[in-house]
Amino acid sequence: MRQLFSYSSFFGVISGIVGLAGSVYLDTASGPTIVLVSIGIFILTLLKSRTV
């Protein structure tokens, strides 16, 4: 369970940083950009779990 919390915190921080950087670069709103990054991470992990 501790590992799950660590992963979720890590992916949350990464989503925030990449989303904020992407919103500055793309000149978009930060909230929706962070959400799109989070959805992208979710889809990548979903695809990875199905292939393993």
N, C-alpha and C. Protein backbone atom coordinates (compact mmCIF):
# COMPACT_ATOMS: atom_id res chain seq x y z
N MET A 1 0.82 -1.19 0.00
CA MET A 1 0.00 0.00 0.00
C MET A 1 0.87 1.26 0.00
N ARG A 2 1.97 1.21 0.68
CA ARG A 2 2.87 2.35 0.75
C ARG A 2 3.44 2.68 -0.63
N GLN A 3 3.74 1.64 -1.41
CA GLN A 3 4.26 1.84 -2.75
C GLN A 3 3.21 2.50 -3.65
N LEU A 4 1.96 2.15 -3.49
CA LEU A 4 0.87 2.75 -4.26
C LEU A 4 0.77 4.24 -3.97
N PHE A 5 0.88 4.62 -2.70
CA PHE A 5 0.84 6.04 -2.33
C PHE A 5 2.04 6.79 -2.91
N SER A 6 3.19 6.15 -2.92
CA SER A 6 4.38 6.78 -3.47
C SER A 6 4.22 7.01 -4.97
N TYR A 7 3.71 6.01 -5.68
CA TYR A 7 3.48 6.15 -7.12
C TYR A 7 2.47 7.24 -7.42
N SER A 8 1.38 7.28 -6.68
CA SER A 8 0.35 8.28 -6.95
C SER A 8 0.87 9.69 -6.67
N SER A 9 1.66 9.85 -5.63
CA SER A 9 2.25 11.16 -5.34
C SER A 9 3.22 11.57 -6.43
N PHE A 10 4.03 10.62 -6.87
CA PHE A 10 5.00 10.89 -7.93
C PHE A 10 4.30 11.32 -9.22
N PHE A 11 3.29 10.56 -9.63
CA PHE A 11 2.58 10.89 -10.87
C PHE A 11 1.81 12.19 -10.74
N GLY A 12 1.32 12.50 -9.56
CA GLY A 12 0.65 13.78 -9.34
C GLY A 12 1.59 14.96 -9.49
N VAL A 13 2.77 14.84 -8.92
CA VAL A 13 3.76 15.92 -9.03
C VAL A 13 4.21 16.07 -10.48
N ILE A 14 4.47 14.96 -11.15
CA ILE A 14 4.88 15.01 -12.56
C ILE A 14 3.78 15.63 -13.41
N SER A 15 2.54 15.27 -13.16
CA SER A 15 1.42 15.85 -13.91
C SER A 15 1.36 17.36 -13.71
N GLY A 16 1.54 17.80 -12.49
CA GLY A 16 1.51 19.23 -12.20
C GLY A 16 2.63 19.99 -12.88
N ILE A 17 3.83 19.47 -12.80
CA ILE A 17 4.98 20.15 -13.38
C ILE A 17 4.88 20.18 -14.91
N VAL A 18 4.60 19.03 -15.50
CA VAL A 18 4.50 18.95 -16.97
C VAL A 18 3.30 19.76 -17.46
N GLY A 19 2.20 19.71 -16.73
CA GLY A 19 1.02 20.48 -17.11
C GLY A 19 1.26 21.98 -17.05
N LEU A 20 1.93 22.44 -16.00
CA LEU A 20 2.23 23.87 -15.90
C LEU A 20 3.21 24.31 -16.98
N ALA A 21 4.24 23.51 -17.21
CA ALA A 21 5.20 23.85 -18.26
C ALA A 21 4.52 23.84 -19.63
N GLY A 22 3.67 22.85 -19.85
CA GLY A 22 2.95 22.77 -21.12
C GLY A 22 1.99 23.93 -21.30
N SER A 23 1.36 24.36 -20.24
CA SER A 23 0.42 25.48 -20.36
C SER A 23 1.15 26.78 -20.67
N VAL A 24 2.34 26.95 -20.13
CA VAL A 24 3.12 28.14 -20.46
C VAL A 24 3.58 28.08 -21.91
N TYR A 25 4.06 26.91 -22.33
CA TYR A 25 4.57 26.75 -23.69
C TYR A 25 3.44 26.87 -24.72
N LEU A 26 2.28 26.28 -24.44
CA LEU A 26 1.17 26.27 -25.38
C LEU A 26 0.24 27.46 -25.21
N ASP A 27 0.47 28.28 -24.17
CA ASP A 27 -0.37 29.44 -23.84
C ASP A 27 -1.83 29.02 -23.66
N THR A 28 -2.03 28.03 -22.81
CA THR A 28 -3.37 27.54 -22.49
C THR A 28 -3.60 27.66 -20.98
N ALA A 29 -4.81 27.37 -20.55
CA ALA A 29 -5.12 27.39 -19.12
C ALA A 29 -4.39 26.23 -18.42
N SER A 30 -3.92 26.48 -17.22
CA SER A 30 -3.10 25.49 -16.53
C SER A 30 -3.90 24.29 -16.03
N GLY A 31 -5.10 24.52 -15.48
CA GLY A 31 -5.90 23.42 -14.93
C GLY A 31 -6.23 22.34 -15.94
N PRO A 32 -6.84 22.71 -17.07
CA PRO A 32 -7.15 21.69 -18.07
C PRO A 32 -5.91 21.01 -18.66
N THR A 33 -4.81 21.74 -18.75
CA THR A 33 -3.58 21.13 -19.26
C THR A 33 -3.06 20.08 -18.30
N ILE A 34 -3.12 20.36 -17.02
CA ILE A 34 -2.70 19.38 -16.02
C ILE A 34 -3.60 18.15 -16.08
N VAL A 35 -4.89 18.36 -16.25
CA VAL A 35 -5.83 17.24 -16.34
C VAL A 35 -5.53 16.40 -17.58
N LEU A 36 -5.23 17.04 -18.71
CA LEU A 36 -4.90 16.29 -19.92
C LEU A 36 -3.62 15.48 -19.75
N VAL A 37 -2.64 16.03 -19.06
CA VAL A 37 -1.41 15.28 -18.78
C VAL A 37 -1.72 14.09 -17.88
N SER A 38 -2.57 14.29 -16.88
CA SER A 38 -2.95 13.19 -15.98
C SER A 38 -3.68 12.09 -16.75
N ILE A 39 -4.57 12.48 -17.66
CA ILE A 39 -5.27 11.49 -18.47
C ILE A 39 -4.29 10.74 -19.35
N GLY A 40 -3.31 11.45 -19.90
CA GLY A 40 -2.28 10.79 -20.71
C GLY A 40 -1.49 9.77 -19.92
N ILE A 41 -1.11 10.12 -18.69
CA ILE A 41 -0.38 9.17 -17.84
C ILE A 41 -1.27 7.97 -17.52
N PHE A 42 -2.54 8.22 -17.25
CA PHE A 42 -3.47 7.13 -16.97
C PHE A 42 -3.57 6.18 -18.16
N ILE A 43 -3.71 6.71 -19.36
CA ILE A 43 -3.82 5.87 -20.54
C ILE A 43 -2.54 5.07 -20.77
N LEU A 44 -1.38 5.71 -20.57
CA LEU A 44 -0.11 4.99 -20.73
C LEU A 44 0.02 3.84 -19.74
N THR A 45 -0.35 4.08 -18.48
CA THR A 45 -0.25 3.01 -17.50
C THR A 45 -1.29 1.92 -17.76
N LEU A 46 -2.45 2.30 -18.27
CA LEU A 46 -3.46 1.31 -18.62
C LEU A 46 -2.99 0.41 -19.76
N LEU A 47 -2.39 1.01 -20.78
CA LEU A 47 -1.87 0.23 -21.91
C LEU A 47 -0.72 -0.66 -21.47
N LYS A 48 0.14 -0.14 -20.59
CA LYS A 48 1.26 -0.94 -20.10
C LYS A 48 0.77 -2.14 -19.28
N SER A 49 -0.25 -1.94 -18.47
CA SER A 49 -0.73 -3.03 -17.64
C SER A 49 -1.43 -4.11 -18.47
N ARG A 50 -1.99 -3.74 -19.60
CA ARG A 50 -2.65 -4.73 -20.45
C ARG A 50 -1.63 -5.55 -21.26
N THR A 51 -0.46 -5.00 -21.52
CA THR A 51 0.53 -5.73 -22.30
C THR A 51 1.38 -6.66 -21.44
N VAL A 52 1.41 -6.43 -20.16
CA VAL A 52 2.24 -7.25 -19.26
C VAL A 52 1.48 -8.46 -18.79
